[in-house]
Structure formats: C-alpha cells, structure tokens
Amino acid sequence: MDQLIAAAKAGDRQAFEELVRRTYLDTYTLALRLTANEEDARDVVQETYLRAWKGIGRFRGDAQFTTWLYRITANTASTTVQKRRRLRTERLDDLHDMEDHRLASRPEEAAESAADLALVAAALDSLAPKLRAVVVLKDVYGLPHEAIAEELGISVTAAKVRLHRGRKRLREQLDETLARSARAV
C-alpha cells in the first residue's frame, strides 16, 4: 500500500485508482452509516475521493492512509448531513432494506431484526452529526478514542464527551420509542 500511496502522491492516477478499489467498501460503509441514506453516501464517497485526490500530496503518512481517508469521509458526511437537514423536508431511510435480504430465509427473525435495525437507524439518524460520527466510529468501527479524536480533529476529551452524550441520547431515543410502542399495544 505504501508504494501505491507514493505513486499516487507523484501523480499516478492508476495507483490512486487502486487505492480507491482497496478502500471503497469501507469508505462507502462508513459514509452510509454516517448519513443513513444511500444516495447521500454515494455522494459522500465521490466527494471523499475527489478531496483525497486533490490532497494526496499533503498526506504525510503520520497516520495510516485509511485513517486519513476516514477523517475526510467523516468530515464530508457531516457537511452533507447538515446540508440535507437544511434542504430536505422528507426523510428517506432505506438503510433497513439491506438487512431484510440477509435474513429472508428466517421470516420471524427477519421481521424482528429489520424492526430493530430500523429503530436503531432512526435513533442514530436523530443524533446531531457530531455525536453520530463519534458513536459510529467507536461502536461500529471499534476505533479507540485517540483515533476518533484524530480523525475528527477534536481532543480525546471531546471525543469521550461526545460518545457519552451520543450514547445517552441514543438510549433515551430508543427508550422513548419502545415506550410509545408499548402504549400503542
């Protein structure tokens, strides 16, 4: 990977394209989790790689290339989500569809899993982008606080505080949703 990075820094488009091929799935998955929208995730990935290509010459190698790319992705997703909230009046949430297909052979479990995933996705989507980014990076990707802080350009303390607040709000949102469901039954 180091050779590809060096070649890309020297302007080799094929080397950069290979870096894109090797990192695309992880980048798209992160973008999807941060935006909770497939169309926005595709836009974020495209913008991420455009920014990465333009900025590859500034990549110092202090962190791993993927860490640097995740930071660009998180920042781009945050900007996209903020724009989406200002511009859109209707929320499109297709995130749960992916899980439905995996459990199609077990209808009872599929129904429960899809419903649970939809609840969690909706609760995650209700979080402020700054909190959502930290929760996803920690709880989905398992990154340590230091890596999260580095990727988002914040202090380790800020990462811990955002994680605590994000988890607390996520829990409150899920509890509220479950309580509403119980009252409706």
N, C-alpha and C. Protein backbone atom coordinates (compact mmCIF):
# COMPACT_ATOMS: atom_id res chain seq x y z
N MET A 1 0.83 -1.18 0.00
CA MET A 1 0.00 0.00 0.00
C MET A 1 0.88 1.25 0.00
N ASP A 2 2.02 1.20 0.67
CA ASP A 2 2.92 2.36 0.72
C ASP A 2 3.40 2.75 -0.67
N GLN A 3 3.66 1.75 -1.51
CA GLN A 3 4.11 2.06 -2.87
C GLN A 3 3.01 2.74 -3.67
N LEU A 4 1.78 2.29 -3.49
CA LEU A 4 0.66 2.91 -4.18
C LEU A 4 0.48 4.36 -3.73
N ILE A 5 0.62 4.57 -2.44
CA ILE A 5 0.47 5.93 -1.90
C ILE A 5 1.56 6.84 -2.47
N ALA A 6 2.79 6.35 -2.48
CA ALA A 6 3.90 7.14 -3.02
C ALA A 6 3.67 7.46 -4.50
N ALA A 7 3.21 6.47 -5.24
CA ALA A 7 2.96 6.68 -6.67
C ALA A 7 1.81 7.67 -6.87
N ALA A 8 0.77 7.55 -6.06
CA ALA A 8 -0.37 8.47 -6.16
C ALA A 8 0.07 9.89 -5.82
N LYS A 9 0.93 10.02 -4.81
CA LYS A 9 1.44 11.35 -4.44
C LYS A 9 2.24 11.97 -5.59
N ALA A 10 2.85 11.11 -6.39
CA ALA A 10 3.64 11.58 -7.54
C ALA A 10 2.75 11.87 -8.75
N GLY A 11 1.43 11.66 -8.60
CA GLY A 11 0.51 11.97 -9.68
C GLY A 11 0.03 10.79 -10.50
N ASP A 12 0.34 9.57 -10.08
CA ASP A 12 -0.06 8.37 -10.81
C ASP A 12 -1.53 8.06 -10.54
N ARG A 13 -2.37 8.30 -11.54
CA ARG A 13 -3.82 8.08 -11.39
C ARG A 13 -4.16 6.61 -11.20
N GLN A 14 -3.43 5.73 -11.88
CA GLN A 14 -3.71 4.30 -11.74
C GLN A 14 -3.44 3.83 -10.32
N ALA A 15 -2.40 4.35 -9.71
CA ALA A 15 -2.10 3.98 -8.32
C ALA A 15 -3.23 4.47 -7.41
N PHE A 16 -3.70 5.68 -7.66
CA PHE A 16 -4.80 6.20 -6.85
C PHE A 16 -6.07 5.38 -7.07
N GLU A 17 -6.33 5.00 -8.31
CA GLU A 17 -7.50 4.16 -8.60
C GLU A 17 -7.42 2.82 -7.86
N GLU A 18 -6.23 2.28 -7.74
CA GLU A 18 -6.07 1.03 -6.98
C GLU A 18 -6.33 1.28 -5.49
N LEU A 19 -5.89 2.42 -4.98
CA LEU A 19 -6.19 2.77 -3.58
C LEU A 19 -7.71 2.87 -3.39
N VAL A 20 -8.38 3.46 -4.36
CA VAL A 20 -9.84 3.57 -4.29
C VAL A 20 -10.46 2.18 -4.26
N ARG A 21 -10.02 1.29 -5.15
CA ARG A 21 -10.56 -0.08 -5.18
C ARG A 21 -10.36 -0.78 -3.83
N ARG A 22 -9.23 -0.58 -3.23
CA ARG A 22 -8.93 -1.27 -1.97
C ARG A 22 -9.68 -0.70 -0.77
N THR A 23 -10.09 0.55 -0.85
CA THR A 23 -10.72 1.19 0.31
C THR A 23 -12.19 1.51 0.10
N TYR A 24 -12.71 1.27 -1.09
CA TYR A 24 -14.07 1.72 -1.43
C TYR A 24 -15.14 1.15 -0.49
N LEU A 25 -15.15 -0.15 -0.27
CA LEU A 25 -16.20 -0.76 0.54
C LEU A 25 -16.24 -0.17 1.95
N ASP A 26 -15.10 -0.06 2.60
CA ASP A 26 -15.06 0.52 3.94
C ASP A 26 -15.48 1.98 3.95
N THR A 27 -15.05 2.71 2.93
CA THR A 27 -15.40 4.13 2.84
C THR A 27 -16.90 4.29 2.63
N TYR A 28 -17.47 3.50 1.73
CA TYR A 28 -18.90 3.57 1.48
C TYR A 28 -19.70 3.17 2.73
N THR A 29 -19.27 2.11 3.39
CA THR A 29 -19.97 1.66 4.59
C THR A 29 -19.98 2.74 5.66
N LEU A 30 -18.84 3.38 5.86
CA LEU A 30 -18.77 4.47 6.85
C LEU A 30 -19.69 5.61 6.43
N ALA A 31 -19.65 5.99 5.18
CA ALA A 31 -20.50 7.09 4.68
C ALA A 31 -21.97 6.75 4.87
N LEU A 32 -22.35 5.50 4.59
CA LEU A 32 -23.73 5.08 4.74
C LEU A 32 -24.16 5.14 6.20
N ARG A 33 -23.31 4.70 7.08
CA ARG A 33 -23.66 4.72 8.50
C ARG A 33 -23.77 6.15 9.02
N LEU A 34 -22.94 7.04 8.51
CA LEU A 34 -22.96 8.42 8.98
C LEU A 34 -24.10 9.24 8.38
N THR A 35 -24.52 8.91 7.16
CA THR A 35 -25.57 9.68 6.51
C THR A 35 -26.94 9.02 6.62
N ALA A 36 -26.96 7.70 6.80
CA ALA A 36 -28.20 6.92 6.86
C ALA A 36 -29.03 7.07 5.59
N ASN A 37 -28.35 7.26 4.46
CA ASN A 37 -29.05 7.43 3.20
C ASN A 37 -28.10 7.00 2.08
N GLU A 38 -28.56 6.07 1.24
CA GLU A 38 -27.68 5.51 0.20
C GLU A 38 -27.24 6.56 -0.82
N GLU A 39 -28.16 7.41 -1.24
CA GLU A 39 -27.81 8.44 -2.22
C GLU A 39 -26.77 9.41 -1.65
N ASP A 40 -27.01 9.85 -0.43
CA ASP A 40 -26.04 10.74 0.21
C ASP A 40 -24.70 10.05 0.41
N ALA A 41 -24.74 8.76 0.77
CA ALA A 41 -23.49 8.02 0.98
C ALA A 41 -22.68 7.96 -0.31
N ARG A 42 -23.35 7.72 -1.44
CA ARG A 42 -22.63 7.71 -2.72
C ARG A 42 -22.01 9.07 -3.03
N ASP A 43 -22.78 10.13 -2.75
CA ASP A 43 -22.25 11.49 -2.95
C ASP A 43 -21.05 11.75 -2.04
N VAL A 44 -21.15 11.30 -0.79
CA VAL A 44 -20.06 11.50 0.17
C VAL A 44 -18.81 10.76 -0.30
N VAL A 45 -18.97 9.53 -0.76
CA VAL A 45 -17.82 8.75 -1.23
C VAL A 45 -17.16 9.44 -2.42
N GLN A 46 -17.98 9.89 -3.35
CA GLN A 46 -17.42 10.58 -4.52
C GLN A 46 -16.65 11.83 -4.10
N GLU A 47 -17.24 12.61 -3.23
CA GLU A 47 -16.57 13.84 -2.75
C GLU A 47 -15.33 13.50 -1.93
N THR A 48 -15.39 12.43 -1.16
CA THR A 48 -14.24 12.00 -0.36
C THR A 48 -13.05 11.69 -1.25
N TYR A 49 -13.28 10.89 -2.28
CA TYR A 49 -12.17 10.53 -3.17
C TYR A 49 -11.67 11.72 -4.00
N LEU A 50 -12.56 12.62 -4.33
CA LEU A 50 -12.13 13.84 -5.02
C LEU A 50 -11.22 14.67 -4.11
N ARG A 51 -11.64 14.83 -2.86
CA ARG A 51 -10.81 15.57 -1.89
C ARG A 51 -9.49 14.84 -1.64
N ALA A 52 -9.57 13.52 -1.56
CA ALA A 52 -8.34 12.74 -1.31
C ALA A 52 -7.36 12.90 -2.48
N TRP A 53 -7.87 12.85 -3.70
CA TRP A 53 -7.00 13.01 -4.87
C TRP A 53 -6.34 14.39 -4.86
N LYS A 54 -7.15 15.40 -4.57
CA LYS A 54 -6.62 16.77 -4.55
C LYS A 54 -5.61 16.97 -3.40
N GLY A 55 -5.82 16.25 -2.30
CA GLY A 55 -4.99 16.46 -1.13
C GLY A 55 -3.93 15.40 -0.88
N ILE A 56 -3.80 14.43 -1.79
CA ILE A 56 -2.86 13.32 -1.57
C ILE A 56 -1.43 13.82 -1.38
N GLY A 57 -1.09 14.92 -2.00
CA GLY A 57 0.25 15.47 -1.85
C GLY A 57 0.54 15.95 -0.43
N ARG A 58 -0.52 16.26 0.31
CA ARG A 58 -0.36 16.72 1.69
C ARG A 58 -0.41 15.57 2.70
N PHE A 59 -0.68 14.36 2.22
CA PHE A 59 -0.70 13.20 3.13
C PHE A 59 0.72 12.92 3.59
N ARG A 60 0.95 13.06 4.90
CA ARG A 60 2.31 12.93 5.45
C ARG A 60 2.65 11.51 5.86
N GLY A 61 1.66 10.68 6.06
CA GLY A 61 1.93 9.31 6.48
C GLY A 61 2.07 9.17 7.98
N ASP A 62 1.73 10.22 8.74
CA ASP A 62 1.77 10.12 10.21
C ASP A 62 0.76 9.09 10.71
N ALA A 63 -0.37 9.03 10.04
CA ALA A 63 -1.40 8.04 10.35
C ALA A 63 -1.52 7.11 9.14
N GLN A 64 -2.27 6.05 9.30
CA GLN A 64 -2.50 5.15 8.17
C GLN A 64 -3.31 5.88 7.11
N PHE A 65 -3.17 5.46 5.88
CA PHE A 65 -3.93 6.06 4.78
C PHE A 65 -5.43 5.92 5.04
N THR A 66 -5.87 4.76 5.54
CA THR A 66 -7.29 4.56 5.79
C THR A 66 -7.80 5.50 6.88
N THR A 67 -7.00 5.76 7.88
CA THR A 67 -7.39 6.70 8.93
C THR A 67 -7.58 8.09 8.35
N TRP A 68 -6.65 8.50 7.51
CA TRP A 68 -6.73 9.79 6.83
C TRP A 68 -8.00 9.85 5.97
N LEU A 69 -8.27 8.78 5.25
CA LEU A 69 -9.45 8.71 4.39
C LEU A 69 -10.74 8.72 5.22
N TYR A 70 -10.76 8.02 6.36
CA TYR A 70 -11.93 8.03 7.24
C TYR A 70 -12.22 9.43 7.75
N ARG A 71 -11.18 10.16 8.03
CA ARG A 71 -11.37 11.53 8.52
C ARG A 71 -12.01 12.40 7.43
N ILE A 72 -11.53 12.26 6.21
CA ILE A 72 -12.13 13.00 5.10
C ILE A 72 -13.59 12.58 4.94
N THR A 73 -13.85 11.28 5.03
CA THR A 73 -15.21 10.77 4.89
C THR A 73 -16.11 11.32 5.98
N ALA A 74 -15.66 11.30 7.22
CA ALA A 74 -16.46 11.80 8.34
C ALA A 74 -16.77 13.29 8.17
N ASN A 75 -15.78 14.06 7.77
CA ASN A 75 -15.99 15.49 7.57
C ASN A 75 -16.96 15.75 6.42
N THR A 76 -16.79 15.03 5.34
CA THR A 76 -17.67 15.18 4.18
C THR A 76 -19.10 14.77 4.52
N ALA A 77 -19.24 13.67 5.26
CA ALA A 77 -20.57 13.20 5.67
C ALA A 77 -21.24 14.23 6.58
N SER A 78 -20.49 14.80 7.48
CA SER A 78 -21.05 15.81 8.38
C SER A 78 -21.59 17.00 7.60
N THR A 79 -20.82 17.46 6.63
CA THR A 79 -21.26 18.57 5.79
C THR A 79 -22.51 18.20 5.00
N THR A 80 -22.52 17.00 4.45
CA THR A 80 -23.67 16.54 3.66
C THR A 80 -24.92 16.44 4.51
N VAL A 81 -24.80 15.88 5.70
CA VAL A 81 -25.96 15.73 6.58
C VAL A 81 -26.51 17.10 6.98
N GLN A 82 -25.62 18.03 7.27
CA GLN A 82 -26.08 19.37 7.63
C GLN A 82 -26.83 20.02 6.46
N LYS A 83 -26.31 19.87 5.26
CA LYS A 83 -26.99 20.41 4.08
C LYS A 83 -28.34 19.73 3.88
N ARG A 84 -28.35 18.41 4.04
CA ARG A 84 -29.58 17.64 3.85
C ARG A 84 -30.66 18.11 4.83
N ARG A 85 -30.29 18.33 6.06
CA ARG A 85 -31.28 18.76 7.05
C ARG A 85 -31.84 20.14 6.74
N ARG A 86 -31.02 20.98 6.13
CA ARG A 86 -31.49 22.32 5.76
C ARG A 86 -32.37 22.28 4.52
N LEU A 87 -32.07 21.38 3.58
CA LEU A 87 -32.73 21.39 2.28
C LEU A 87 -33.92 20.44 2.16
N ARG A 88 -33.89 19.32 2.83
CA ARG A 88 -34.93 18.32 2.65
C ARG A 88 -36.02 18.46 3.70
N THR A 89 -37.23 18.20 3.25
CA THR A 89 -38.34 18.20 4.18
C THR A 89 -38.84 16.79 4.46
N GLU A 90 -38.46 15.84 3.62
CA GLU A 90 -38.90 14.47 3.76
C GLU A 90 -37.70 13.57 3.96
N ARG A 91 -37.75 12.71 4.97
CA ARG A 91 -36.64 11.82 5.26
C ARG A 91 -36.78 10.53 4.49
N LEU A 92 -35.74 10.13 3.78
CA LEU A 92 -35.72 8.87 3.07
C LEU A 92 -34.78 7.94 3.80
N ASP A 93 -35.30 6.82 4.26
CA ASP A 93 -34.47 5.92 5.05
C ASP A 93 -34.57 4.51 4.49
N ASP A 94 -33.61 4.14 3.66
CA ASP A 94 -33.59 2.82 3.06
C ASP A 94 -32.57 1.90 3.73
N LEU A 95 -32.01 2.32 4.85
CA LEU A 95 -30.94 1.57 5.49
C LEU A 95 -31.38 0.16 5.87
N HIS A 96 -32.59 -0.01 6.35
CA HIS A 96 -33.03 -1.32 6.82
C HIS A 96 -33.21 -2.34 5.71
N ASP A 97 -33.37 -1.91 4.46
CA ASP A 97 -33.57 -2.85 3.36
C ASP A 97 -32.41 -3.83 3.19
N MET A 98 -31.20 -3.41 3.46
CA MET A 98 -30.05 -4.28 3.28
C MET A 98 -30.14 -5.49 4.19
N GLU A 99 -30.55 -5.32 5.42
CA GLU A 99 -30.62 -6.42 6.37
C GLU A 99 -31.76 -7.37 6.04
N ASP A 100 -32.85 -6.88 5.50
CA ASP A 100 -34.00 -7.72 5.20
C ASP A 100 -33.62 -8.89 4.29
N HIS A 101 -32.76 -8.65 3.31
CA HIS A 101 -32.40 -9.68 2.35
C HIS A 101 -31.53 -10.77 2.97
N ARG A 102 -30.76 -10.44 3.94
CA ARG A 102 -29.86 -11.42 4.56
C ARG A 102 -30.63 -12.44 5.40
N LEU A 103 -31.75 -12.04 5.96
CA LEU A 103 -32.47 -12.92 6.86
C LEU A 103 -33.75 -13.47 6.22
N ALA A 104 -33.84 -13.40 4.91
CA ALA A 104 -35.07 -13.79 4.22
C ALA A 104 -35.45 -15.25 4.47
N SER A 105 -34.49 -16.09 4.76
CA SER A 105 -34.81 -17.50 4.98
C SER A 105 -35.39 -17.76 6.36
N ARG A 106 -35.36 -16.78 7.27
CA ARG A 106 -35.92 -16.92 8.62
C ARG A 106 -36.88 -15.75 8.85
N PRO A 107 -38.12 -15.86 8.40
CA PRO A 107 -39.05 -14.73 8.41
C PRO A 107 -39.27 -14.10 9.78
N GLU A 108 -39.40 -14.93 10.84
CA GLU A 108 -39.65 -14.36 12.17
C GLU A 108 -38.45 -13.52 12.61
N GLU A 109 -37.26 -14.07 12.47
CA GLU A 109 -36.05 -13.33 12.85
C GLU A 109 -35.85 -12.13 11.95
N ALA A 110 -36.17 -12.28 10.68
CA ALA A 110 -36.02 -11.17 9.74
C ALA A 110 -36.90 -10.01 10.14
N ALA A 111 -38.13 -10.31 10.52
CA ALA A 111 -39.06 -9.25 10.92
C ALA A 111 -38.55 -8.53 12.16
N GLU A 112 -38.10 -9.29 13.15
CA GLU A 112 -37.58 -8.69 14.38
C GLU A 112 -36.31 -7.89 14.11
N SER A 113 -35.39 -8.48 13.34
CA SER A 113 -34.12 -7.80 13.06
C SER A 113 -34.33 -6.54 12.24
N ALA A 114 -35.20 -6.60 11.25
CA ALA A 114 -35.47 -5.42 10.42
C ALA A 114 -36.10 -4.33 11.26
N ALA A 115 -37.02 -4.70 12.14
CA ALA A 115 -37.66 -3.71 13.00
C ALA A 115 -36.64 -3.10 13.97
N ASP A 116 -35.80 -3.94 14.56
CA ASP A 116 -34.77 -3.45 15.48
C ASP A 116 -33.79 -2.54 14.75
N LEU A 117 -33.37 -2.96 13.57
CA LEU A 117 -32.42 -2.16 12.79
C LEU A 117 -33.04 -0.82 12.41
N ALA A 118 -34.31 -0.84 12.05
CA ALA A 118 -34.99 0.41 11.70
C ALA A 118 -35.07 1.34 12.90
N LEU A 119 -35.34 0.77 14.08
CA LEU A 119 -35.39 1.59 15.29
C LEU A 119 -34.03 2.22 15.59
N VAL A 120 -32.99 1.41 15.51
CA VAL A 120 -31.64 1.91 15.80
C VAL A 120 -31.22 2.93 14.74
N ALA A 121 -31.52 2.64 13.48
CA ALA A 121 -31.16 3.57 12.40
C ALA A 121 -31.87 4.91 12.59
N ALA A 122 -33.15 4.86 12.95
CA ALA A 122 -33.91 6.10 13.17
C ALA A 122 -33.35 6.86 14.37
N ALA A 123 -33.01 6.13 15.44
CA ALA A 123 -32.45 6.79 16.62
C ALA A 123 -31.09 7.40 16.30
N LEU A 124 -30.27 6.65 15.55
CA LEU A 124 -28.96 7.19 15.14
C LEU A 124 -29.13 8.42 14.26
N ASP A 125 -30.09 8.37 13.37
CA ASP A 125 -30.33 9.49 12.46
C ASP A 125 -30.79 10.73 13.21
N SER A 126 -31.42 10.53 14.37
CA SER A 126 -31.91 11.68 15.15
C SER A 126 -30.78 12.39 15.90
N LEU A 127 -29.63 11.74 16.01
CA LEU A 127 -28.50 12.36 16.71
C LEU A 127 -27.91 13.49 15.87
N ALA A 128 -27.35 14.46 16.54
CA ALA A 128 -26.61 15.51 15.84
C ALA A 128 -25.44 14.86 15.11
N PRO A 129 -25.07 15.37 13.93
CA PRO A 129 -23.99 14.74 13.15
C PRO A 129 -22.69 14.55 13.94
N LYS A 130 -22.34 15.50 14.79
CA LYS A 130 -21.10 15.38 15.56
C LYS A 130 -21.16 14.21 16.54
N LEU A 131 -22.32 14.00 17.15
CA LEU A 131 -22.48 12.88 18.08
C LEU A 131 -22.55 11.56 17.31
N ARG A 132 -23.30 11.55 16.20
CA ARG A 132 -23.45 10.34 15.40
C ARG A 132 -22.09 9.84 14.91
N ALA A 133 -21.26 10.76 14.45
CA ALA A 133 -19.95 10.37 13.92
C ALA A 133 -19.14 9.64 14.98
N VAL A 134 -19.12 10.16 16.20
CA VAL A 134 -18.33 9.53 17.27
C VAL A 134 -18.91 8.17 17.64
N VAL A 135 -20.24 8.08 17.76
CA VAL A 135 -20.88 6.81 18.12
C VAL A 135 -20.59 5.75 17.06
N VAL A 136 -20.72 6.11 15.79
CA VAL A 136 -20.48 5.14 14.71
C VAL A 136 -19.01 4.71 14.69
N LEU A 137 -18.10 5.67 14.79
CA LEU A 137 -16.68 5.33 14.75
C LEU A 137 -16.27 4.45 15.93
N LYS A 138 -16.86 4.67 17.09
CA LYS A 138 -16.50 3.88 18.27
C LYS A 138 -17.25 2.54 18.30
N ASP A 139 -18.58 2.59 18.17
CA ASP A 139 -19.39 1.40 18.39
C ASP A 139 -19.52 0.50 17.17
N VAL A 140 -19.37 1.04 15.98
CA VAL A 140 -19.46 0.22 14.78
C VAL A 140 -18.06 -0.18 14.30
N TYR A 141 -17.15 0.78 14.26
CA TYR A 141 -15.81 0.50 13.75
C TYR A 141 -14.81 0.15 14.85
N GLY A 142 -15.18 0.35 16.11
CA GLY A 142 -14.32 -0.05 17.22
C GLY A 142 -13.04 0.75 17.35
N LEU A 143 -13.05 1.98 16.84
CA LEU A 143 -11.84 2.79 16.93
C LEU A 143 -11.63 3.29 18.36
N PRO A 144 -10.38 3.39 18.79
CA PRO A 144 -10.11 3.94 20.12
C PRO A 144 -10.37 5.45 20.13
N HIS A 145 -10.54 6.00 21.33
CA HIS A 145 -10.82 7.43 21.47
C HIS A 145 -9.77 8.29 20.77
N GLU A 146 -8.52 7.88 20.85
CA GLU A 146 -7.44 8.67 20.25
C GLU A 146 -7.59 8.75 18.73
N ALA A 147 -7.93 7.63 18.11
CA ALA A 147 -8.10 7.60 16.65
C ALA A 147 -9.33 8.43 16.24
N ILE A 148 -10.38 8.34 17.03
CA ILE A 148 -11.59 9.13 16.74
C ILE A 148 -11.26 10.61 16.82
N ALA A 149 -10.55 10.99 17.87
CA ALA A 149 -10.17 12.39 18.04
C ALA A 149 -9.33 12.86 16.86
N GLU A 150 -8.39 12.04 16.45
CA GLU A 150 -7.52 12.40 15.33
C GLU A 150 -8.33 12.52 14.03
N GLU A 151 -9.20 11.57 13.79
CA GLU A 151 -9.99 11.57 12.56
C GLU A 151 -10.92 12.77 12.47
N LEU A 152 -11.50 13.16 13.60
CA LEU A 152 -12.47 14.25 13.58
C LEU A 152 -11.84 15.60 13.90
N GLY A 153 -10.55 15.60 14.23
CA GLY A 153 -9.87 16.85 14.52
C GLY A 153 -10.32 17.48 15.83
N ILE A 154 -10.60 16.64 16.82
CA ILE A 154 -11.02 17.12 18.13
C ILE A 154 -10.10 16.51 19.19
N SER A 155 -10.23 16.97 20.43
CA SER A 155 -9.41 16.40 21.50
C SER A 155 -9.98 15.05 21.93
N VAL A 156 -9.16 14.27 22.61
CA VAL A 156 -9.60 12.96 23.11
C VAL A 156 -10.73 13.17 24.12
N THR A 157 -10.61 14.20 24.94
CA THR A 157 -11.66 14.50 25.91
C THR A 157 -12.97 14.82 25.20
N ALA A 158 -12.91 15.61 24.15
CA ALA A 158 -14.12 15.94 23.38
C ALA A 158 -14.73 14.67 22.77
N ALA A 159 -13.88 13.77 22.29
CA ALA A 159 -14.38 12.51 21.72
C ALA A 159 -15.11 11.70 22.79
N LYS A 160 -14.55 11.64 23.98
CA LYS A 160 -15.18 10.88 25.07
C LYS A 160 -16.50 11.52 25.49
N VAL A 161 -16.52 12.83 25.57
CA VAL A 161 -17.75 13.54 25.96
C VAL A 161 -18.83 13.34 24.90
N ARG A 162 -18.46 13.47 23.62
CA ARG A 162 -19.43 13.29 22.54
C ARG A 162 -19.96 11.86 22.53
N LEU A 163 -19.07 10.89 22.77
CA LEU A 163 -19.50 9.50 22.81
C LEU A 163 -20.51 9.29 23.94
N HIS A 164 -20.20 9.82 25.12
CA HIS A 164 -21.10 9.69 26.27
C HIS A 164 -22.46 10.32 25.96
N ARG A 165 -22.43 11.54 25.44
CA ARG A 165 -23.68 12.24 25.11
C ARG A 165 -24.45 11.52 24.00
N GLY A 166 -23.72 11.07 22.98
CA GLY A 166 -24.37 10.37 21.88
C GLY A 166 -25.03 9.08 22.33
N ARG A 167 -24.34 8.29 23.14
CA ARG A 167 -24.92 7.04 23.64
C ARG A 167 -26.13 7.32 24.53
N LYS A 168 -26.00 8.35 25.36
CA LYS A 168 -27.10 8.71 26.27
C LYS A 168 -28.34 9.11 25.45
N ARG A 169 -28.15 9.96 24.45
CA ARG A 169 -29.29 10.40 23.63
C ARG A 169 -29.86 9.24 22.81
N LEU A 170 -28.98 8.37 22.33
CA LEU A 170 -29.42 7.19 21.59
C LEU A 170 -30.29 6.31 22.48
N ARG A 171 -29.82 6.07 23.70
CA ARG A 171 -30.57 5.27 24.67
C ARG A 171 -31.93 5.91 24.98
N GLU A 172 -31.92 7.23 25.21
CA GLU A 172 -33.16 7.95 25.51
C GLU A 172 -34.14 7.84 24.34
N GLN A 173 -33.62 8.00 23.14
CA GLN A 173 -34.47 7.92 21.94
C GLN A 173 -35.07 6.53 21.80
N LEU A 174 -34.26 5.48 22.00
CA LEU A 174 -34.76 4.11 21.89
C LEU A 174 -35.77 3.80 23.00
N ASP A 175 -35.49 4.25 24.23
CA ASP A 175 -36.43 4.04 25.34
C ASP A 175 -37.76 4.71 25.06
N GLU A 176 -37.70 5.93 24.54
CA GLU A 176 -38.93 6.67 24.23
C GLU A 176 -39.72 5.96 23.14
N THR A 177 -39.04 5.49 22.11
CA THR A 177 -39.71 4.79 21.01
C THR A 177 -40.34 3.49 21.50
N LEU A 178 -39.62 2.74 22.32
CA LEU A 178 -40.15 1.48 22.84
C LEU A 178 -41.33 1.74 23.77
N ALA A 179 -41.27 2.80 24.57
CA ALA A 179 -42.37 3.13 25.47
C ALA A 179 -43.62 3.50 24.66
N ARG A 180 -43.44 4.26 23.58
CA ARG A 180 -44.57 4.62 22.71
C ARG A 180 -45.19 3.36 22.09
N SER A 181 -44.33 2.43 21.69
CA SER A 181 -44.81 1.18 21.08
C SER A 181 -45.60 0.36 22.09
N ALA A 182 -45.12 0.32 23.34
CA ALA A 182 -45.79 -0.46 24.38
C ALA A 182 -47.15 0.16 24.70
N ARG A 183 -47.24 1.48 24.70
CA ARG A 183 -48.52 2.15 24.99
C ARG A 183 -49.52 1.91 23.86
N ALA A 184 -49.01 1.79 22.64
CA ALA A 184 -49.89 1.61 21.48
C ALA A 184 -50.50 0.21 21.43
N VAL A 185 -49.84 -0.74 22.09
CA VAL A 185 -50.31 -2.13 22.05
C VAL A 185 -51.36 -2.41 23.06
